[in-house]
Amino acid sequence: MMGPSHALSGAAAWLAGCWALDHLAGYGQSPLAVAVGTTVCAGGALLPDLDLSGKVTRNQGGATVARTFGVFSLFVAEVVEKVSLGVYTATKLRRDPRRDNGHRTFTHTLPFAALVGWGTTELCVRFGKWAVVAIVFFTAGLALRGLFDEWAERAGWLLVTALSGAMAWFTWLNLPGDRGYPLLGMAVGVGCVVHLLGDMITKNGVPILWPIPVGRRMWRMIGVPNAMAVKVGGPGEVIVLRTLFTLVSVLAVAAMFAPHLWHRFDLDTWADNALGER
């Protein structure tokens, strides 16, 4: 899927999860905490595509996430792509094809999602609010680039970086500093997993079962049948899926912070009212 769809899916997944925790487990969060988690998850949903690099010296090419902070993120993407290719080359079996780039390899696996999720949690637990601000700065840039791709392309990476810094500063001023915020690690991990699921419904699939060999291949691409696959950039993705993700996000926010509005859509309440009228 394209960057905006990945970012939207991450935001929808996190908001739906926050609503479920609040509704089923009584774990409520402040609006700012939910906003921070949603931003981090939306940005995390773009992280796997750091393995698609561009031309660093020309500030061109690469995936949406690679262009977020200009040449700096393009350089990071170049490094990640080479590391991913190295992991692929070192672990591939005889039946795995030879590759000259690392796109849709290591960063598109569950171990990568677990690794970055665990690493984020460790940073938050050890360094608290300082780590949170740095993570918000980075993922906010990814989220802005993903959710508002066309605007970000016109505005340029400097403005995206400035807005990311403003969001991080606002977080610093308003979040309490006596917590570890381990949920942010989960937000990054969930975002990565949602990205994998999104790519699985496209034609190429992802090696989500790595490092488990499948049919004498270590890097077997897993996905839906081609007849059912979503065309990247097609109506199924741009219209259907993005509308669905947006609807889920809006309903989750309404259910958590505007329960009087949600109450009007509660089917149980409708049924009770109907029975009462009878």
Protein backbone atom coordinates (compact mmCIF):
# COMPACT_ATOMS: atom_id res chain seq x y z
CA MET A 1 0.00 0.00 0.00
CA MET A 2 0.95 3.64 -0.35
CA GLY A 3 2.22 5.82 2.49
CA PRO A 4 -1.07 7.60 3.30
CA SER A 5 -2.91 4.28 3.56
CA HIS A 6 -0.26 2.82 5.86
CA ALA A 7 -0.36 5.89 8.14
CA LEU A 8 -4.17 5.90 8.24
CA SER A 9 -4.28 2.19 9.04
CA GLY A 10 -1.84 2.70 11.92
CA ALA A 11 -3.90 5.56 13.34
CA ALA A 12 -7.13 3.56 13.02
CA ALA A 13 -5.63 0.48 14.66
CA TRP A 14 -4.32 2.44 17.65
CA LEU A 15 -7.51 4.43 18.18
CA ALA A 16 -9.62 1.28 17.96
CA GLY A 17 -7.30 -0.41 20.45
CA CYS A 18 -7.52 2.53 22.86
CA TRP A 19 -11.30 2.40 22.69
CA ALA A 20 -11.26 -1.36 23.36
CA LEU A 21 -9.01 -0.90 26.40
CA ASP A 22 -11.23 1.86 27.71
CA HIS A 23 -14.52 0.06 27.04
CA LEU A 24 -13.58 -3.50 27.96
CA ALA A 25 -10.80 -3.10 30.53
CA GLY A 26 -11.56 0.33 31.97
CA TYR A 27 -8.10 1.62 30.97
CA GLY A 28 -8.78 5.24 30.10
CA GLN A 29 -6.22 7.68 28.72
CA SER A 30 -6.12 11.45 28.45
CA PRO A 31 -6.75 12.99 25.03
CA LEU A 32 -3.08 13.97 24.81
CA ALA A 33 -1.89 10.45 25.64
CA VAL A 34 -4.19 9.01 22.97
CA ALA A 35 -3.00 11.62 20.47
CA VAL A 36 0.66 10.83 21.18
CA GLY A 37 0.08 7.08 20.86
CA THR A 38 -1.88 7.55 17.64
CA THR A 39 0.86 9.73 16.16
CA VAL A 40 3.54 7.21 17.08
CA CYS A 41 1.52 4.29 15.68
CA ALA A 42 0.74 6.15 12.44
CA GLY A 43 4.42 6.97 12.04
CA GLY A 44 5.44 3.45 13.02
CA ALA A 45 3.20 2.12 10.26
CA LEU A 46 5.63 3.67 7.77
CA LEU A 47 8.85 2.39 9.37
CA PRO A 48 9.11 -0.90 7.39
CA ASP A 49 9.47 1.06 4.16
CA LEU A 50 12.77 2.52 5.37
CA ASP A 51 14.24 -0.31 3.33
CA LEU A 52 13.29 1.50 0.11
CA SER A 53 16.06 4.05 -0.40
CA GLY A 54 16.51 6.77 -2.99
CA LYS A 55 19.33 9.03 -4.16
CA VAL A 56 20.82 10.69 -1.09
CA THR A 57 22.98 13.27 -2.83
CA ARG A 58 20.09 14.42 -5.02
CA ASN A 59 17.43 14.27 -2.30
CA GLN A 60 15.25 12.20 -4.64
CA GLY A 61 13.39 8.91 -4.75
CA GLY A 62 12.81 6.45 -1.96
CA ALA A 63 9.62 5.60 -0.12
CA THR A 64 7.44 8.19 1.58
CA VAL A 65 9.17 7.59 4.90
CA ALA A 66 12.62 7.97 3.34
CA ARG A 67 11.87 11.52 2.16
CA THR A 68 10.47 12.78 5.48
CA PHE A 69 13.57 14.60 6.72
CA GLY A 70 15.28 15.20 3.40
CA VAL A 71 18.81 13.91 2.89
CA PHE A 72 19.04 12.82 6.52
CA SER A 73 16.21 10.28 6.31
CA LEU A 74 17.33 9.27 2.82
CA PHE A 75 20.73 8.42 4.28
CA VAL A 76 19.10 6.38 7.07
CA ALA A 77 17.00 4.58 4.46
CA GLU A 78 20.15 3.80 2.46
CA VAL A 79 21.73 2.24 5.54
CA VAL A 80 18.59 0.28 6.44
CA GLU A 81 18.27 -1.00 2.88
CA LYS A 82 21.84 -2.27 2.89
CA VAL A 83 21.43 -3.91 6.32
CA SER A 84 18.19 -5.56 5.16
CA LEU A 85 19.91 -6.84 2.02
CA GLY A 86 22.74 -8.15 4.17
CA VAL A 87 20.31 -10.05 6.41
CA TYR A 88 18.61 -11.47 3.33
CA THR A 89 21.89 -12.57 1.75
CA ALA A 90 23.20 -14.10 4.98
CA THR A 91 20.05 -16.14 5.68
CA LYS A 92 18.67 -17.02 2.24
CA LEU A 93 18.46 -20.63 1.11
CA ARG A 94 19.42 -22.03 -2.30
CA ARG A 95 15.92 -21.59 -3.71
CA ASP A 96 15.65 -17.95 -2.64
CA PRO A 97 16.30 -15.64 -5.60
CA ARG A 98 19.35 -13.42 -5.80
CA ARG A 99 18.57 -9.78 -4.95
CA ASP A 100 20.33 -6.46 -5.46
CA ASN A 101 18.21 -4.46 -2.98
CA GLY A 102 16.70 -5.07 0.45
CA HIS A 103 13.15 -3.80 -0.08
CA ARG A 104 10.46 -5.99 1.51
CA THR A 105 12.98 -8.15 3.31
CA PHE A 106 14.06 -7.82 6.96
CA THR A 107 12.02 -4.71 7.87
CA HIS A 108 8.92 -6.48 6.59
CA THR A 109 9.10 -9.28 9.16
CA LEU A 110 7.60 -9.85 12.61
CA PRO A 111 11.05 -10.01 14.28
CA PHE A 112 11.73 -6.47 13.03
CA ALA A 113 8.39 -5.25 14.43
CA ALA A 114 9.19 -6.90 17.77
CA LEU A 115 12.72 -5.49 17.77
CA VAL A 116 11.75 -1.85 17.20
CA GLY A 117 8.83 -2.17 19.62
CA TRP A 118 11.09 -3.58 22.33
CA GLY A 119 13.77 -0.99 21.62
CA THR A 120 11.25 1.86 21.88
CA THR A 121 9.95 0.51 25.18
CA GLU A 122 13.47 0.25 26.59
CA LEU A 123 14.23 3.83 25.59
CA CYS A 124 11.04 5.10 27.22
CA VAL A 125 11.59 3.14 30.43
CA ARG A 126 15.25 4.15 30.77
CA PHE A 127 15.07 7.79 29.68
CA GLY A 128 11.41 8.68 30.28
CA LYS A 129 10.18 11.95 28.88
CA TRP A 130 13.39 12.70 26.95
CA ALA A 131 12.95 9.52 24.95
CA VAL A 132 9.25 10.19 24.47
CA VAL A 133 9.95 13.61 22.97
CA ALA A 134 12.56 12.21 20.58
CA ILE A 135 10.24 9.39 19.51
CA VAL A 136 7.34 11.81 19.01
CA PHE A 137 9.54 14.10 16.91
CA PHE A 138 10.61 11.26 14.61
CA THR A 139 7.26 9.50 14.28
CA ALA A 140 5.32 12.76 13.98
CA GLY A 141 7.39 13.58 10.91
CA LEU A 142 6.61 10.17 9.43
CA ALA A 143 2.92 10.56 10.27
CA LEU A 144 2.73 14.03 8.71
CA ARG A 145 4.50 12.79 5.60
CA GLY A 146 2.19 9.80 5.36
CA LEU A 147 -1.17 11.35 6.22
CA PHE A 148 -0.61 14.54 4.20
CA ASP A 149 1.68 13.23 1.48
CA GLU A 150 0.79 15.70 -1.28
CA TRP A 151 0.94 18.70 1.04
CA ALA A 152 4.24 17.52 2.55
CA GLU A 153 5.71 17.10 -0.94
CA ARG A 154 4.84 20.71 -1.76
CA ALA A 155 5.81 22.13 1.64
CA GLY A 156 9.19 20.41 1.73
CA TRP A 157 11.03 18.52 4.42
CA LEU A 158 12.12 21.62 6.34
CA LEU A 159 8.53 22.57 7.15
CA VAL A 160 7.67 18.97 8.03
CA THR A 161 10.69 18.90 10.36
CA ALA A 162 9.65 22.20 11.97
CA LEU A 163 6.11 20.96 12.59
CA SER A 164 7.45 17.72 14.03
CA GLY A 165 9.63 19.75 16.39
CA ALA A 166 6.62 21.84 17.45
CA MET A 167 4.61 18.70 18.19
CA ALA A 168 7.50 17.27 20.21
CA TRP A 169 7.85 20.53 22.15
CA PHE A 170 4.11 20.59 22.91
CA THR A 171 4.43 17.03 24.17
CA TRP A 172 7.34 18.03 26.39
CA LEU A 173 5.34 20.87 27.92
CA ASN A 174 2.17 18.90 28.60
CA LEU A 175 3.03 15.27 29.35
CA PRO A 176 3.98 14.46 32.95
CA GLY A 177 7.61 13.45 33.37
CA ASP A 178 7.25 10.81 36.08
CA ARG A 179 6.22 7.93 33.82
CA GLY A 180 8.00 5.52 31.51
CA TYR A 181 5.40 5.42 28.72
CA PRO A 182 6.03 1.77 27.78
CA LEU A 183 2.88 1.80 25.62
CA LEU A 184 4.78 3.78 23.00
CA GLY A 185 6.83 0.68 22.24
CA MET A 186 3.61 -1.18 21.63
CA ALA A 187 2.45 1.68 19.39
CA VAL A 188 5.55 1.38 17.20
CA GLY A 189 5.29 -2.42 17.07
CA VAL A 190 1.58 -2.34 16.25
CA GLY A 191 2.23 0.19 13.50
CA CYS A 192 4.84 -2.09 11.93
CA VAL A 193 2.53 -5.13 12.12
CA VAL A 194 -0.32 -3.16 10.55
CA HIS A 195 2.05 -2.20 7.73
CA LEU A 196 2.83 -5.88 7.13
CA LEU A 197 -0.85 -6.76 7.03
CA GLY A 198 -1.46 -3.94 4.57
CA ASP A 199 1.29 -5.16 2.26
CA MET A 200 0.02 -8.74 2.53
CA ILE A 201 -3.18 -7.80 0.74
CA THR A 202 -1.23 -6.41 -2.21
CA LYS A 203 0.14 -8.48 -5.08
CA ASN A 204 3.75 -8.92 -3.90
CA GLY A 205 3.15 -9.97 -0.28
CA VAL A 206 5.74 -9.94 2.52
CA PRO A 207 8.04 -12.54 4.16
CA ILE A 208 6.02 -12.42 7.37
CA LEU A 209 6.96 -15.99 8.39
CA TRP A 210 10.74 -15.33 8.35
CA PRO A 211 12.88 -16.91 9.80
CA ILE A 212 10.73 -20.04 9.39
CA PRO A 213 11.57 -21.82 6.09
CA VAL A 214 8.60 -22.44 3.81
CA GLY A 215 8.95 -24.86 0.92
CA ARG A 216 12.77 -24.84 0.93
CA ARG A 217 12.79 -21.05 0.90
CA MET A 218 13.60 -18.80 3.83
CA TRP A 219 12.12 -15.66 2.25
CA ARG A 220 8.75 -16.85 0.99
CA MET A 221 6.46 -13.92 0.16
CA ILE A 222 3.09 -14.46 1.84
CA GLY A 223 -0.06 -12.71 0.68
CA VAL A 224 -3.56 -13.09 -0.63
CA PRO A 225 -4.21 -14.65 -4.07
CA ASN A 226 -3.58 -12.24 -6.93
CA ALA A 227 -7.26 -12.26 -7.84
CA MET A 228 -8.09 -10.86 -4.40
CA ALA A 229 -5.10 -8.51 -4.09
CA VAL A 230 -5.62 -4.77 -3.69
CA LYS A 231 -4.07 -2.74 -6.48
CA VAL A 232 -1.56 -0.25 -5.07
CA GLY A 233 -2.96 3.23 -5.62
CA GLY A 234 -6.18 1.82 -7.07
CA PRO A 235 -9.78 2.60 -6.06
CA GLY A 236 -9.86 -0.31 -3.62
CA GLU A 237 -7.03 1.24 -1.62
CA VAL A 238 -7.61 4.96 -2.09
CA ILE A 239 -11.40 5.01 -1.80
CA VAL A 240 -12.51 1.90 0.08
CA LEU A 241 -9.69 1.25 2.54
CA ARG A 242 -8.89 4.87 3.37
CA THR A 243 -12.58 5.61 3.92
CA LEU A 244 -12.82 2.58 6.21
CA PHE A 245 -9.73 3.60 8.21
CA THR A 246 -11.02 7.16 8.56
CA LEU A 247 -14.45 5.96 9.70
CA VAL A 248 -12.94 3.64 12.31
CA SER A 249 -10.77 6.48 13.62
CA VAL A 250 -13.64 8.95 13.90
CA LEU A 251 -15.95 6.46 15.60
CA ALA A 252 -13.25 5.43 18.09
CA VAL A 253 -12.55 9.05 19.04
CA ALA A 254 -16.26 9.75 19.39
CA ALA A 255 -16.75 6.67 21.59
CA MET A 256 -13.90 7.68 23.92
CA PHE A 257 -14.31 11.44 24.19
CA ALA A 258 -17.86 12.22 23.06
CA PRO A 259 -19.93 9.39 24.59
CA HIS A 260 -23.13 11.41 24.29
CA LEU A 261 -22.71 11.26 20.52
CA TRP A 262 -21.74 7.60 20.55
CA HIS A 263 -24.81 6.84 22.67
CA ARG A 264 -27.00 7.77 19.73
CA PHE A 265 -25.38 5.02 17.64
CA ASP A 266 -25.47 2.37 20.38
CA LEU A 267 -27.54 -0.51 18.99
CA ASP A 268 -28.26 -1.85 22.48
CA THR A 269 -29.73 1.51 23.45
CA TRP A 270 -31.85 1.56 20.31
CA ALA A 271 -33.14 -1.91 21.10
CA ASP A 272 -33.92 -0.99 24.73
CA ASN A 273 -35.75 2.15 23.63
CA ALA A 274 -37.73 0.22 21.03
CA LEU A 275 -38.77 -2.42 23.58
CA GLY A 276 -39.65 0.27 26.09
CA GLU A 277 -41.91 2.02 23.63
CA ARG A 278 -43.78 -1.25 23.05
